[in-house]
Amino acid sequence: MAVTLALAGDTMLGRGVADLLAKSADPGDYVSDAVRAYLSEADFTLLNLECCVSDRGTPWMAPGKIFHFRAPPRAADLLAELGVACVTLANNHALDFGHDALLDTCAHLARVEIHTAGAGPDLERAREPVLVDVNGLRLAVVAVTDHPGDYTATPDRPGVAHADLPSGVPAWLIDAVARARAQADVVLVSPHWGPNMTTEPLPYVRTAASILTGAGATLIAGHSAHVPHGVAPPVLYDMGDFIDDYAVDPDLRNDLSLLFLVTCDDLGPLRLRAVPLKLDYCRTTLARGAERAWLASRFTAACAALGTDAVWEDDVLTVDLR
């Protein structure tokens, strides 16, 4: 039986979004009806939550740390209303307000029955894959980040699943993917890798992707760049952003992104549909007109550079994954 996974990139519900959440919990104020209609097609929705969810904590002080993102507890309810089933927390904002705020994040998401991957109260649980049954399909989610090192969980301290991917894929991550493959039909690895505002995957990211697929990853969905990268099946190198209040780069256009709908069966991913998005301040809608055309041109060119064809079909961009 085929199922559909909805995959979205960096989702930041702090700062301006948090201010809006203090006034409204209506999902339509954050994601348009048209985008939510695509989300409703999915049997399982996953995104990278690039903030903590808490009303506790103090900003994490570290050299070069500029941004600190914290969403109020009702952000968890918003994600549930949007149909989110799982979030990845392995990123450079999960500990922005300290260890207690990270533990609160996990608790608030558990309260609304949203799975979390890539962070936890200790090293073992931060690295532990999420294993779920999606309409009879066994799905495993493995999440990891390659920055920052000071957010790393330890055996007795909360934190994220960190891997120094520029130095190579560590044995523990290869083993985790291999073990997940032995238990699941689809193994989704979701890495937060590479620097912000790049238009293509760095060489070490491509090397890591090859090693992870060799270890048993049947689908990789990355994030961190804030702009979408191309697809080289079964790798979605970067999914861009989904909701935020970020400043817009006029050249890279980080306010234009994609929602990825991936059809899978028990043999793995089959087909990808990429829905063009426009990120306004704290609200995401479908991209239209010239912006939609510009985004499509960039995505198809990025795919072509990786040897992949992306074509229009029924108002979305499609890629064969098998």
Protein backbone atom coordinates (compact mmCIF):
# COMPACT_ATOMS: atom_id res chain seq x y z
CA MET A 1 0.00 0.00 0.00
CA ALA A 2 1.31 3.44 -0.94
CA VAL A 3 1.41 6.27 1.59
CA THR A 4 2.24 9.96 1.25
CA LEU A 5 4.77 11.74 3.43
CA ALA A 6 4.64 15.54 3.63
CA LEU A 7 8.12 16.92 4.33
CA ALA A 8 8.88 20.55 5.14
CA GLY A 9 12.06 22.36 6.05
CA ASP A 10 13.03 24.79 8.78
CA THR A 11 10.03 25.96 10.78
CA MET A 12 10.65 28.81 13.22
CA LEU A 13 7.76 29.67 15.55
CA GLY A 14 9.57 32.12 17.80
CA ARG A 15 10.08 35.87 17.67
CA GLY A 16 7.44 37.44 15.35
CA VAL A 17 5.56 34.16 15.02
CA ALA A 18 5.50 33.86 18.82
CA ASP A 19 4.07 37.36 19.05
CA LEU A 20 1.28 36.34 16.70
CA LEU A 21 0.68 33.14 18.68
CA ALA A 22 -0.01 35.29 21.74
CA LYS A 23 -3.01 36.66 19.85
CA SER A 24 -4.21 33.80 17.65
CA ALA A 25 -4.08 30.01 17.51
CA ASP A 26 -5.97 29.84 14.19
CA PRO A 27 -3.88 27.70 11.78
CA GLY A 28 -5.14 29.84 8.89
CA ASP A 29 -3.19 32.79 10.28
CA TYR A 30 0.06 30.87 9.70
CA VAL A 31 -0.58 28.54 6.76
CA SER A 32 -3.06 29.29 3.99
CA ASP A 33 -6.02 27.04 3.20
CA ALA A 34 -4.42 26.10 -0.12
CA VAL A 35 -1.19 24.92 1.52
CA ARG A 36 -3.13 23.09 4.23
CA ALA A 37 -5.06 21.30 1.50
CA TYR A 38 -1.79 19.79 0.29
CA LEU A 39 -0.83 18.88 3.86
CA SER A 40 -4.17 17.10 4.23
CA GLU A 41 -3.19 14.72 1.41
CA ALA A 42 -0.41 13.29 3.57
CA ASP A 43 -0.57 10.25 5.81
CA PHE A 44 2.41 11.54 7.82
CA THR A 45 3.81 15.08 8.06
CA LEU A 46 7.32 15.90 9.26
CA LEU A 47 9.21 19.18 9.55
CA ASN A 48 12.33 20.56 11.18
CA LEU A 49 11.34 22.64 14.22
CA GLU A 50 13.99 25.33 14.43
CA CYS A 51 13.15 26.70 17.87
CA CYS A 52 12.37 25.48 21.37
CA VAL A 53 8.80 25.40 22.71
CA SER A 54 8.80 26.66 26.28
CA ASP A 55 8.10 29.57 28.58
CA ARG A 56 11.27 28.89 30.58
CA GLY A 57 15.00 29.33 30.16
CA THR A 58 17.58 31.99 29.37
CA PRO A 59 19.40 32.60 26.08
CA TRP A 60 22.30 30.24 25.39
CA MET A 61 25.52 32.20 25.51
CA ALA A 62 28.19 31.09 23.08
CA PRO A 63 30.71 32.90 20.86
CA GLY A 64 29.03 33.98 17.63
CA LYS A 65 25.53 33.07 18.84
CA ILE A 66 23.25 35.85 17.59
CA PHE A 67 19.76 34.44 17.25
CA HIS A 68 17.69 32.78 19.98
CA PHE A 69 14.32 31.32 19.01
CA ARG A 70 11.65 30.32 21.53
CA ALA A 71 7.97 29.63 20.85
CA PRO A 72 5.21 29.55 23.49
CA PRO A 73 3.66 26.22 24.53
CA ARG A 74 0.61 26.79 22.30
CA ALA A 75 2.98 26.41 19.30
CA ALA A 76 2.73 22.65 19.88
CA ASP A 77 -1.04 22.89 19.49
CA LEU A 78 -0.61 24.83 16.24
CA LEU A 79 1.62 22.08 14.83
CA ALA A 80 -0.94 19.46 15.84
CA GLU A 81 -3.71 21.46 14.15
CA LEU A 82 -1.61 21.50 10.98
CA GLY A 83 -1.43 17.70 11.10
CA VAL A 84 2.25 17.42 11.97
CA ALA A 85 3.08 13.90 13.18
CA CYS A 86 6.82 14.28 13.83
CA VAL A 87 9.40 17.02 14.14
CA THR A 88 13.16 16.86 14.01
CA LEU A 89 14.94 18.77 16.76
CA ALA A 90 18.54 18.13 15.73
CA ASN A 91 19.49 21.67 14.76
CA ASN A 92 21.25 24.81 15.97
CA HIS A 93 18.23 26.28 17.79
CA ALA A 94 16.90 23.40 19.90
CA LEU A 95 18.91 24.58 22.93
CA ASP A 96 18.58 28.31 22.37
CA PHE A 97 17.06 28.72 25.86
CA GLY A 98 18.91 25.94 27.63
CA HIS A 99 18.35 22.40 28.78
CA ASP A 100 15.06 22.96 30.60
CA ALA A 101 13.53 24.60 27.53
CA LEU A 102 14.57 21.61 25.39
CA LEU A 103 12.94 19.22 27.86
CA ASP A 104 9.83 21.41 27.80
CA THR A 105 9.84 21.21 24.01
CA CYS A 106 9.77 17.43 24.08
CA ALA A 107 7.04 17.44 26.75
CA HIS A 108 4.78 19.93 24.95
CA LEU A 109 5.06 17.99 21.70
CA ALA A 110 4.40 14.69 23.46
CA ARG A 111 1.30 16.26 25.00
CA VAL A 112 -0.19 16.69 21.51
CA GLU A 113 1.16 13.30 20.34
CA ILE A 114 3.85 14.66 18.02
CA HIS A 115 6.95 12.48 17.79
CA THR A 116 10.39 14.05 18.21
CA ALA A 117 13.67 12.90 16.68
CA GLY A 118 17.22 14.15 17.05
CA ALA A 119 17.18 15.53 20.60
CA GLY A 120 16.34 14.32 24.08
CA PRO A 121 17.17 14.18 27.77
CA ASP A 122 20.37 12.21 27.18
CA LEU A 123 22.63 10.96 24.42
CA GLU A 124 20.89 7.61 23.92
CA ARG A 125 17.46 9.13 23.50
CA ALA A 126 18.73 12.00 21.34
CA ARG A 127 20.12 9.48 18.86
CA GLU A 128 17.16 7.10 19.04
CA PRO A 129 15.17 6.80 15.78
CA VAL A 130 11.42 7.30 15.71
CA LEU A 131 9.67 4.11 14.57
CA VAL A 132 6.05 4.41 13.47
CA ASP A 133 3.44 2.51 11.49
CA VAL A 134 1.92 4.66 8.74
CA ASN A 135 -1.10 2.82 7.35
CA GLY A 136 0.80 -0.44 7.37
CA LEU A 137 4.12 1.02 6.18
CA ARG A 138 6.94 0.82 8.70
CA LEU A 139 8.73 4.19 8.83
CA ALA A 140 11.90 5.07 10.73
CA VAL A 141 13.07 8.66 11.21
CA VAL A 142 16.71 9.38 12.07
CA ALA A 143 17.66 13.01 12.76
CA VAL A 144 21.12 14.53 13.18
CA THR A 145 22.83 17.92 12.97
CA ASP A 146 26.39 18.82 12.09
CA HIS A 147 26.30 22.05 14.14
CA PRO A 148 26.79 23.30 16.81
CA GLY A 149 28.98 20.99 18.83
CA ASP A 150 28.11 22.63 22.16
CA TYR A 151 24.48 21.49 21.79
CA THR A 152 25.51 17.83 21.82
CA ALA A 153 23.69 15.56 24.24
CA THR A 154 25.78 13.55 26.70
CA PRO A 155 24.95 10.43 28.72
CA ASP A 156 23.67 12.64 31.54
CA ARG A 157 22.73 15.95 29.83
CA PRO A 158 19.98 16.94 27.38
CA GLY A 159 20.97 17.95 23.88
CA VAL A 160 20.93 17.08 20.22
CA ALA A 161 22.23 14.22 18.12
CA HIS A 162 25.39 15.79 16.74
CA ALA A 163 27.73 14.42 14.08
CA ASP A 164 30.79 16.23 12.76
CA LEU A 165 29.89 15.43 9.15
CA PRO A 166 32.64 17.59 7.59
CA SER A 167 35.07 15.17 9.24
CA GLY A 168 33.11 12.11 8.08
CA VAL A 169 30.01 10.15 9.00
CA PRO A 170 30.55 8.63 12.46
CA ALA A 171 30.16 4.92 13.10
CA TRP A 172 27.27 5.45 15.54
CA LEU A 173 25.20 7.14 12.82
CA ILE A 174 25.96 4.46 10.24
CA ASP A 175 24.97 1.82 12.79
CA ALA A 176 21.76 3.68 13.71
CA VAL A 177 20.69 3.84 10.06
CA ALA A 178 21.53 0.18 9.50
CA ARG A 179 19.55 -0.88 12.57
CA ALA A 180 16.61 1.24 11.46
CA ARG A 181 16.71 -0.39 8.04
CA ALA A 182 16.39 -3.79 9.63
CA GLN A 183 13.13 -2.66 11.26
CA ALA A 184 11.49 -0.42 8.66
CA ASP A 185 10.30 -0.33 5.07
CA VAL A 186 11.35 3.31 4.70
CA VAL A 187 14.26 4.87 6.57
CA LEU A 188 14.08 8.66 6.46
CA VAL A 189 17.26 10.42 7.54
CA SER A 190 16.75 14.13 8.18
CA PRO A 191 20.08 15.96 8.63
CA HIS A 192 20.57 19.62 9.50
CA TRP A 193 23.75 20.06 7.48
CA GLY A 194 25.80 22.76 5.87
CA PRO A 195 25.81 26.55 6.25
CA ASN A 196 22.97 28.98 5.71
CA MET A 197 22.16 30.61 2.37
CA THR A 198 23.86 28.23 -0.03
CA THR A 199 22.31 27.20 -3.35
CA GLU A 200 23.80 23.72 -3.67
CA PRO A 201 25.08 20.98 -1.35
CA LEU A 202 28.70 21.22 -0.32
CA PRO A 203 30.99 18.31 -1.26
CA TYR A 204 31.01 16.89 2.28
CA VAL A 205 27.20 16.90 2.31
CA ARG A 206 27.11 14.91 -0.92
CA THR A 207 29.68 12.47 0.48
CA ALA A 208 27.66 12.04 3.68
CA ALA A 209 24.50 11.44 1.65
CA SER A 210 26.21 8.66 -0.29
CA ILE A 211 27.44 7.00 2.90
CA LEU A 212 24.02 7.25 4.56
CA THR A 213 22.22 5.72 1.59
CA GLY A 214 24.81 2.98 1.54
CA ALA A 215 24.09 2.31 5.22
CA GLY A 216 20.37 1.87 4.55
CA ALA A 217 18.73 5.29 4.26
CA THR A 218 15.99 4.99 1.64
CA LEU A 219 15.11 8.71 1.78
CA ILE A 220 17.16 11.70 2.94
CA ALA A 221 15.51 15.07 3.56
CA GLY A 222 17.97 17.76 4.58
CA HIS A 223 17.71 21.34 5.79
CA SER A 224 19.78 24.29 7.05
CA ALA A 225 20.41 26.41 3.94
CA HIS A 226 17.03 28.24 4.13
CA VAL A 227 16.68 27.83 0.36
CA PRO A 228 15.76 24.60 -1.46
CA HIS A 229 18.47 22.58 -3.16
CA GLY A 230 18.13 20.04 -5.94
CA VAL A 231 17.12 16.40 -5.65
CA ALA A 232 19.31 13.40 -6.50
CA PRO A 233 17.08 10.41 -5.69
CA PRO A 234 16.67 9.43 -2.95
CA VAL A 235 18.22 12.62 -1.55
CA LEU A 236 16.40 15.93 -1.03
CA TYR A 237 19.50 17.92 -0.17
CA ASP A 238 17.69 20.88 1.37
CA MET A 239 13.99 21.59 1.77
CA GLY A 240 14.32 25.30 2.48
CA ASP A 241 11.98 26.94 5.00
CA PHE A 242 8.32 26.50 5.90
CA ILE A 243 7.28 29.20 8.41
CA ASP A 244 9.37 32.07 9.80
CA ASP A 245 9.79 35.83 10.17
CA TYR A 246 13.22 36.00 8.55
CA ALA A 247 14.70 38.87 6.57
CA VAL A 248 14.62 38.18 2.84
CA ASP A 249 17.75 38.02 0.71
CA PRO A 250 16.79 39.71 -2.58
CA ASP A 251 19.01 37.42 -4.64
CA LEU A 252 18.62 34.05 -2.93
CA ARG A 253 14.93 34.64 -2.15
CA ASN A 254 14.71 32.59 1.01
CA ASP A 255 11.03 33.58 1.10
CA LEU A 256 10.37 31.13 -1.75
CA SER A 257 10.44 27.45 -0.84
CA LEU A 258 8.85 24.05 -1.42
CA LEU A 259 6.66 21.55 0.40
CA PHE A 260 7.62 18.01 -0.58
CA LEU A 261 5.01 15.26 -0.91
CA VAL A 262 6.71 11.88 -1.25
CA THR A 263 4.79 8.75 -2.19
CA CYS A 264 6.27 5.56 -0.72
CA ASP A 265 5.45 1.87 -0.65
CA ASP A 266 7.08 -1.03 1.15
CA LEU A 267 9.96 -0.94 -1.34
CA GLY A 268 10.72 2.70 -0.59
CA PRO A 269 10.07 6.12 -2.16
CA LEU A 270 8.34 6.22 -5.53
CA ARG A 271 7.63 9.79 -6.52
CA LEU A 272 8.07 13.33 -5.33
CA ARG A 273 5.74 16.30 -5.77
CA ALA A 274 7.20 19.69 -4.84
CA VAL A 275 4.64 22.40 -4.07
CA PRO A 276 5.92 25.99 -4.59
CA LEU A 277 5.54 28.16 -1.47
CA LYS A 278 5.74 31.85 -0.64
CA LEU A 279 6.77 32.72 2.92
CA ASP A 280 5.30 36.03 3.95
CA TYR A 281 6.00 37.41 7.42
CA CYS A 282 4.84 34.61 9.77
CA ARG A 283 2.49 33.14 7.15
CA THR A 284 3.00 30.68 4.30
CA THR A 285 0.95 30.60 1.10
CA LEU A 286 1.25 29.12 -2.37
CA ALA A 287 3.73 30.90 -4.64
CA ARG A 288 2.07 32.60 -7.60
CA GLY A 289 2.96 34.24 -10.89
CA ALA A 290 6.52 35.40 -11.50
CA GLU A 291 7.72 34.24 -8.06
CA ARG A 292 6.41 30.73 -8.70
CA ALA A 293 8.08 30.67 -12.12
CA TRP A 294 11.38 31.92 -10.66
CA LEU A 295 11.35 29.27 -7.94
CA ALA A 296 10.50 26.53 -10.42
CA SER A 297 13.33 27.60 -12.71
CA ARG A 298 15.85 27.51 -9.87
CA PHE A 299 14.65 24.13 -8.59
CA THR A 300 14.61 22.45 -12.01
CA ALA A 301 18.11 23.82 -12.72
CA ALA A 302 19.36 22.59 -9.33
CA CYS A 303 17.93 19.14 -10.02
CA ALA A 304 19.42 19.10 -13.53
CA ALA A 305 22.85 19.90 -12.08
CA LEU A 306 22.49 16.68 -10.06
CA GLY A 307 21.36 14.67 -13.09
CA THR A 308 17.65 14.69 -12.18
CA ASP A 309 14.63 15.77 -14.20
CA ALA A 310 11.97 17.85 -12.44
CA VAL A 311 8.86 18.52 -14.52
CA TRP A 312 5.54 20.32 -14.08
CA GLU A 313 2.46 18.20 -13.52
CA ASP A 314 -0.87 19.42 -12.10
CA ASP A 315 0.62 22.67 -10.72
CA VAL A 316 3.46 20.95 -8.85
CA LEU A 317 6.99 19.92 -9.78
CA THR A 318 7.48 16.16 -9.93
CA VAL A 319 10.53 13.92 -9.66
CA ASP A 320 10.63 10.15 -10.10
CA LEU A 321 12.46 8.63 -7.13
CA ARG A 322 12.72 5.06 -8.35
